Amino acid sequence: MSSPIPSTPSPLDAEIESLKAKITTLKSHLRIQTSTILSSPSVSSLLSNPPSSSQLKQKGITPTILKSLRHYASLQKAHNQQSLYRTCATITTFRVQDPDPNAVDGGAVLGLRIEVFARGRFMRPYYVLMNRAWAGPGSRKEKKKKTKKKGKYATWLRVHRHTIPPCVPLSGLAARHLPAPPSREEEDEGREQDLAKFARRLRRELVRYHHRLATITDLRRAILAEDESKTNPTNKIQDVTPADAEAKQITIEWEDGQTGRLVMGDDGEIVKVVALNGSGGGQGNGSGSGRDREVVRELVGQAKRVEDVVRRLAVTGSKAAAAA
């Protein structure tokens, strides 16, 4: 039985997809404009103290429309308040109860909620649940007995559950700022737990991780946009993707088979850039090692950070588009 021949997309299908993309963009712009208008002080004052019914009727505003506007304004106000709270209170704590009857410390769990803002929106919050593992199991009375017996170690915390990505060094931060009690009394010198420092360092690592992902996305868009703006591009870059889970290494692929690797630091600084010829012939530096320094120089230039490469490519692409 012969397999069906795949049909090529017709111009009508391409036009429909283009119209759908435009509709999505217009809806997004409409939501932004609506939220901006409803958040303005003048509109809020007008909705709180509206004009007389006769004046509203002259402008075509019925009581139903006014009620709907007030409803959307209240929703927008609640959204603004929530966004302000998430922006200012980036790290919050809460308490939960472990349903396990044999849980340590009577099932008491302390939670950390960490907010991260990246790429123009709030990410899904990250959570770290901790318990006092050295307080012992049982009821509140038993917990008080354990506290008297073990002293300060009964209040020490241990990470119980979390939603942190595996690429973030949570275990290392916990070992540094939330160490376990010493096994012997003579090892007790200078060992303390610092929950505030642990939370701050953990959020900083999460923010760094998301900013690296956003930087890779911006770099990919800038490179592809620059290639599209050229009239006769040679050896176009086909793709830019993260090469590791930590998003510290970037893989770059060219049309002629060349591959490159860009390594950046925790905060986006360029550590090393290498481009390899597809044939391994050593073109570009004459050493026969397969590295192409001319391609690296053309891509990176004198940039010290990945953001500088993005800005340089954006300027180059805009100039090329203007010249075309």
Protein backbone atom coordinates (compact mmCIF):
# COMPACT_ATOMS: atom_id res chain seq x y z
CA MET A 1 0.00 0.00 0.00
CA SER A 2 1.54 3.29 -1.10
CA SER A 3 1.92 6.02 1.49
CA PRO A 4 0.09 9.30 0.81
CA ILE A 5 2.18 12.07 -0.68
CA PRO A 6 2.52 14.95 1.79
CA SER A 7 0.85 18.04 0.43
CA THR A 8 2.73 21.32 0.40
CA PRO A 9 1.09 24.23 2.22
CA SER A 10 -0.89 26.43 -0.12
CA PRO A 11 -0.62 30.24 -0.15
CA LEU A 12 -4.10 30.37 1.39
CA ASP A 13 -2.96 28.29 4.37
CA ALA A 14 0.07 30.53 4.83
CA GLU A 15 -2.16 33.60 4.75
CA ILE A 16 -4.51 32.07 7.33
CA GLU A 17 -1.60 31.33 9.66
CA SER A 18 -0.33 34.88 9.20
CA LEU A 19 -3.77 36.30 10.04
CA LYS A 20 -3.98 34.09 13.14
CA ALA A 21 -0.61 35.38 14.31
CA LYS A 22 -1.75 38.97 13.75
CA ILE A 23 -4.96 38.34 15.70
CA THR A 24 -2.96 36.94 18.62
CA THR A 25 -0.68 39.97 18.57
CA LEU A 26 -3.62 42.39 18.44
CA LYS A 27 -5.32 40.63 21.35
CA SER A 28 -2.14 40.92 23.39
CA HIS A 29 -1.89 44.65 22.58
CA LEU A 30 -5.57 45.09 23.49
CA ARG A 31 -5.01 43.50 26.91
CA ILE A 32 -2.01 45.74 27.55
CA GLN A 33 -3.87 48.89 26.53
CA THR A 34 -6.92 47.91 28.60
CA SER A 35 -4.84 47.30 31.73
CA THR A 36 -2.99 50.58 31.20
CA ILE A 37 -6.23 52.58 30.88
CA LEU A 38 -7.90 50.90 33.85
CA SER A 39 -4.81 51.48 36.01
CA SER A 40 -4.67 55.20 35.34
CA PRO A 41 -5.66 57.46 38.28
CA SER A 42 -8.06 59.51 36.16
CA VAL A 43 -10.12 56.47 35.15
CA SER A 44 -10.16 55.18 38.72
CA SER A 45 -11.40 58.55 39.96
CA LEU A 46 -14.03 58.68 37.22
CA LEU A 47 -15.35 55.23 38.05
CA SER A 48 -15.43 56.00 41.77
CA ASN A 49 -17.32 59.28 41.29
CA PRO A 50 -19.13 58.99 37.94
CA PRO A 51 -21.03 61.90 36.39
CA SER A 52 -24.80 62.12 36.44
CA SER A 53 -26.91 59.60 34.56
CA SER A 54 -27.89 62.18 31.96
CA GLN A 55 -24.27 62.94 31.13
CA LEU A 56 -23.44 59.25 30.89
CA LYS A 57 -26.43 58.68 28.63
CA GLN A 58 -25.28 61.44 26.29
CA LYS A 59 -21.93 59.65 25.92
CA GLY A 60 -23.61 56.30 25.29
CA ILE A 61 -22.61 54.75 28.63
CA THR A 62 -25.40 52.67 30.12
CA PRO A 63 -25.52 51.45 33.75
CA THR A 64 -24.61 47.96 32.50
CA ILE A 65 -21.47 49.25 30.82
CA LEU A 66 -20.54 51.26 33.91
CA LYS A 67 -21.00 48.18 36.11
CA SER A 68 -18.82 46.12 33.76
CA LEU A 69 -16.11 48.79 33.79
CA ARG A 70 -16.11 48.87 37.58
CA HIS A 71 -15.81 45.07 37.67
CA TYR A 72 -12.81 45.05 35.33
CA ALA A 73 -11.25 47.95 37.22
CA SER A 74 -11.52 46.04 40.50
CA LEU A 75 -9.91 42.99 38.89
CA GLN A 76 -7.11 45.16 37.52
CA LYS A 77 -6.58 46.76 40.92
CA ALA A 78 -6.30 43.34 42.55
CA HIS A 79 -3.84 42.25 39.85
CA ASN A 80 -1.73 45.37 40.36
CA GLN A 81 -1.70 44.81 44.11
CA GLN A 82 -0.66 41.18 43.66
CA SER A 83 2.11 42.15 41.20
CA LEU A 84 3.37 44.83 43.60
CA TYR A 85 3.41 42.34 46.46
CA ARG A 86 5.26 39.72 44.38
CA THR A 87 7.78 42.34 43.27
CA CYS A 88 8.52 43.68 46.75
CA ALA A 89 8.14 40.50 48.81
CA THR A 90 10.27 38.18 46.71
CA ILE A 91 10.87 35.75 49.58
CA THR A 92 8.06 34.82 51.97
CA THR A 93 7.59 32.11 54.59
CA PHE A 94 4.56 30.05 55.55
CA ARG A 95 3.70 27.10 57.77
CA VAL A 96 2.14 23.81 56.74
CA GLN A 97 1.32 20.58 58.53
CA ASP A 98 2.76 17.25 57.40
CA PRO A 99 -0.10 14.68 57.42
CA ASP A 100 2.32 11.86 58.25
CA PRO A 101 1.60 10.81 61.88
CA ASN A 102 5.24 9.74 62.30
CA ALA A 103 6.70 12.98 60.93
CA VAL A 104 9.43 14.69 62.91
CA ASP A 105 8.62 17.71 65.07
CA GLY A 106 4.94 16.75 65.17
CA GLY A 107 4.61 17.36 61.42
CA ALA A 108 5.44 21.07 61.58
CA VAL A 109 6.94 22.28 58.28
CA LEU A 110 8.30 25.71 57.39
CA GLY A 111 8.00 26.74 53.76
CA LEU A 112 9.88 29.27 51.63
CA ARG A 113 8.18 30.83 48.61
CA ILE A 114 10.60 32.44 46.15
CA GLU A 115 9.43 34.78 43.39
CA VAL A 116 11.44 35.30 40.19
CA PHE A 117 10.67 37.90 37.51
CA ALA A 118 12.22 37.27 34.10
CA ARG A 119 11.43 37.90 30.43
CA GLY A 120 8.77 40.45 31.34
CA ARG A 121 6.65 38.17 33.52
CA PHE A 122 6.59 36.35 36.80
CA MET A 123 7.80 32.77 36.74
CA ARG A 124 6.00 30.06 38.65
CA PRO A 125 7.01 30.42 42.32
CA TYR A 126 9.61 28.06 43.72
CA TYR A 127 9.05 26.35 47.06
CA VAL A 128 11.41 24.91 49.67
CA LEU A 129 9.88 22.96 52.59
CA MET A 130 11.99 22.49 55.72
CA ASN A 131 11.48 20.70 59.01
CA ARG A 132 13.28 20.50 62.31
CA ALA A 133 14.69 17.03 61.82
CA TRP A 134 16.56 17.02 65.12
CA ALA A 135 13.52 17.92 67.22
CA GLY A 136 12.30 14.32 67.20
CA PRO A 137 8.88 12.81 66.37
CA GLY A 138 5.74 12.87 68.46
CA SER A 139 3.44 15.39 70.05
CA ARG A 140 4.08 18.93 71.21
CA LYS A 141 4.98 17.75 74.74
CA GLU A 142 7.56 15.33 73.39
CA LYS A 143 8.86 18.10 71.17
CA LYS A 144 9.40 20.35 74.19
CA LYS A 145 11.28 17.56 75.95
CA LYS A 146 13.53 17.15 72.93
CA THR A 147 14.14 20.88 72.85
CA LYS A 148 15.28 20.88 76.46
CA LYS A 149 17.45 17.84 75.87
CA LYS A 150 19.28 18.85 72.70
CA GLY A 151 19.37 22.60 73.14
CA LYS A 152 19.81 24.74 70.05
CA TYR A 153 19.96 21.80 67.64
CA ALA A 154 16.28 21.08 68.20
CA THR A 155 15.43 24.27 66.26
CA TRP A 156 17.83 23.65 63.38
CA LEU A 157 16.27 23.20 59.95
CA ARG A 158 16.78 20.66 57.20
CA VAL A 159 15.50 20.77 53.61
CA HIS A 160 12.59 18.32 53.38
CA ARG A 161 11.06 18.90 49.91
CA HIS A 162 11.59 21.48 47.19
CA THR A 163 10.70 22.47 43.60
CA ILE A 164 14.12 23.95 42.74
CA PRO A 165 15.56 22.94 39.33
CA PRO A 166 18.34 20.33 39.51
CA CYS A 167 20.82 22.75 37.91
CA VAL A 168 20.64 25.10 40.93
CA PRO A 169 23.12 24.05 43.66
CA LEU A 170 20.55 23.72 46.45
CA SER A 171 22.44 20.99 48.32
CA GLY A 172 25.63 23.05 48.35
CA LEU A 173 23.84 26.14 49.64
CA ALA A 174 22.08 24.09 52.30
CA ALA A 175 25.36 22.51 53.41
CA ARG A 176 26.93 25.96 53.71
CA HIS A 177 24.12 27.93 55.35
CA LEU A 178 21.96 25.18 56.93
CA PRO A 179 24.57 22.68 58.13
CA ALA A 180 23.65 19.61 60.13
CA PRO A 181 24.55 19.43 63.83
CA PRO A 182 28.08 18.17 64.51
CA SER A 183 28.56 14.55 65.40
CA ARG A 184 30.88 15.41 68.31
CA GLU A 185 30.82 18.27 70.77
CA GLU A 186 34.34 19.42 69.90
CA GLU A 187 33.22 20.12 66.31
CA ASP A 188 30.63 22.65 67.49
CA GLU A 189 32.90 25.68 67.25
CA GLY A 190 31.56 28.34 64.86
CA ARG A 191 28.82 26.23 63.29
CA GLU A 192 25.57 28.14 62.93
CA GLN A 193 22.57 28.17 60.60
CA ASP A 194 21.56 31.29 58.68
CA LEU A 195 18.14 30.89 57.05
CA ALA A 196 18.03 34.47 55.72
CA LYS A 197 21.36 34.13 53.92
CA PHE A 198 20.33 30.72 52.54
CA ALA A 199 17.11 32.18 51.09
CA ARG A 200 18.89 35.18 49.56
CA ARG A 201 21.65 33.10 47.97
CA LEU A 202 19.13 30.59 46.63
CA ARG A 203 17.01 33.29 45.03
CA ARG A 204 20.10 34.87 43.51
CA GLU A 205 20.99 31.55 41.86
CA LEU A 206 17.44 31.21 40.53
CA VAL A 207 17.47 34.75 39.13
CA ARG A 208 20.84 34.10 37.49
CA TYR A 209 19.54 30.90 35.91
CA HIS A 210 16.46 32.57 34.41
CA HIS A 211 18.48 35.54 33.19
CA ARG A 212 20.88 33.18 31.41
CA LEU A 213 17.94 31.48 29.71
CA ALA A 214 16.55 34.87 28.66
CA THR A 215 19.97 35.92 27.36
CA ILE A 216 20.21 32.78 25.21
CA THR A 217 16.75 33.50 23.80
CA ASP A 218 17.68 37.11 23.01
CA LEU A 219 20.96 35.98 21.40
CA ARG A 220 19.15 33.50 19.20
CA ARG A 221 16.63 36.11 18.05
CA ALA A 222 19.33 38.70 17.39
CA ILE A 223 21.48 36.30 15.35
CA LEU A 224 18.60 34.99 13.25
CA ALA A 225 17.23 38.52 12.72
CA GLU A 226 20.66 39.75 11.61
CA ASP A 227 20.99 36.92 9.08
CA GLU A 228 17.51 37.62 7.70
CA SER A 229 18.30 41.32 7.28
CA LYS A 230 21.25 40.59 4.98
CA THR A 231 20.55 40.51 1.25
CA ASN A 232 22.96 37.68 0.40
CA PRO A 233 23.97 36.04 3.64
CA THR A 234 26.85 33.58 3.52
CA ASN A 235 27.26 30.77 6.04
CA LYS A 236 24.11 31.62 7.99
CA ILE A 237 23.72 30.54 11.61
CA GLN A 238 21.05 27.87 11.74
CA ASP A 239 20.42 27.52 15.45
CA VAL A 240 21.45 28.71 18.91
CA THR A 241 20.58 26.41 21.82
CA PRO A 242 21.69 25.88 25.44
CA ALA A 243 24.14 23.00 25.73
CA ASP A 244 23.78 22.20 29.43
CA ALA A 245 21.14 22.22 32.13
CA GLU A 246 22.65 25.27 33.87
CA ALA A 247 22.37 27.34 30.64
CA LYS A 248 26.03 28.36 30.96
CA GLN A 249 27.10 26.90 27.62
CA ILE A 250 25.59 27.78 24.24
CA THR A 251 25.84 25.67 21.09
CA ILE A 252 25.92 27.55 17.77
CA GLU A 253 25.44 25.77 14.42
CA TRP A 254 26.27 27.20 11.00
CA GLU A 255 25.03 26.19 7.54
CA ASP A 256 28.37 24.78 6.38
CA GLY A 257 28.57 22.32 9.28
CA GLN A 258 30.58 24.46 11.66
CA THR A 259 29.72 24.27 15.33
CA GLY A 260 30.63 26.65 18.10
CA ARG A 261 30.49 26.71 21.86
CA LEU A 262 30.12 29.86 23.95
CA VAL A 263 30.69 29.57 27.69
CA MET A 264 29.33 32.30 29.94
CA GLY A 265 29.64 32.88 33.66
CA ASP A 266 26.97 33.04 36.32
CA ASP A 267 25.99 36.63 35.45
CA GLY A 268 26.28 36.47 31.64
CA GLU A 269 29.95 37.36 31.16
CA ILE A 270 31.71 35.63 28.26
CA VAL A 271 34.27 33.13 29.54
CA LYS A 272 35.30 31.42 26.31
CA VAL A 273 34.17 31.11 22.68
CA VAL A 274 35.31 28.39 20.27
CA ALA A 275 34.21 27.72 16.69
CA LEU A 276 35.20 24.48 14.94
CA ASN A 277 35.32 23.92 11.19
CA GLY A 278 33.03 21.22 9.89
CA SER A 279 35.89 19.62 7.97
CA GLY A 280 38.38 20.05 10.81
CA GLY A 281 40.84 21.53 8.36
CA GLY A 282 42.08 24.19 10.71
CA GLN A 283 41.02 27.14 8.58
CA GLY A 284 41.01 30.53 10.20
CA ASN A 285 44.11 30.27 12.38
CA GLY A 286 46.38 28.05 10.35
CA SER A 287 47.22 25.77 13.25
CA GLY A 288 45.38 22.73 11.92
CA SER A 289 43.38 22.38 15.10
CA GLY A 290 40.02 22.90 13.35
CA ARG A 291 39.30 26.18 15.14
CA ASP A 292 38.07 29.19 13.22
CA ARG A 293 39.02 32.40 14.98
CA GLU A 294 37.69 34.61 12.19
CA VAL A 295 34.16 33.35 12.79
CA VAL A 296 34.55 33.95 16.54
CA ARG A 297 35.83 37.46 15.93
CA GLU A 298 32.93 38.22 13.59
CA LEU A 299 30.37 36.89 16.06
CA VAL A 300 31.68 38.24 19.37
CA GLY A 301 33.97 41.14 18.44
CA GLN A 302 35.20 42.95 21.56
CA ALA A 303 32.16 42.09 23.66
CA LYS A 304 32.75 41.07 27.27
CA ARG A 305 29.18 39.95 27.99
CA VAL A 306 26.55 38.06 26.00
CA GLU A 307 24.21 41.06 26.29
CA ASP A 308 26.82 43.15 24.46
CA VAL A 309 26.76 40.64 21.58
CA VAL A 310 22.96 40.88 21.45
CA ARG A 311 23.06 44.69 21.33
CA ARG A 312 25.77 44.73 18.66
CA LEU A 313 23.89 42.26 16.47
CA ALA A 314 20.66 44.24 16.91
CA VAL A 315 22.37 47.44 15.75
CA THR A 316 24.00 45.63 12.81
CA GLY A 317 20.70 44.05 11.77
CA SER A 318 18.83 47.36 11.89
CA LYS A 319 21.50 49.06 9.76
CA ALA A 320 21.41 46.24 7.21
CA ALA A 321 17.61 46.41 7.03
CA ALA A 322 17.71 50.17 6.55
CA ALA A 323 20.28 49.83 3.77
CA ALA A 324 18.16 47.21 2.02
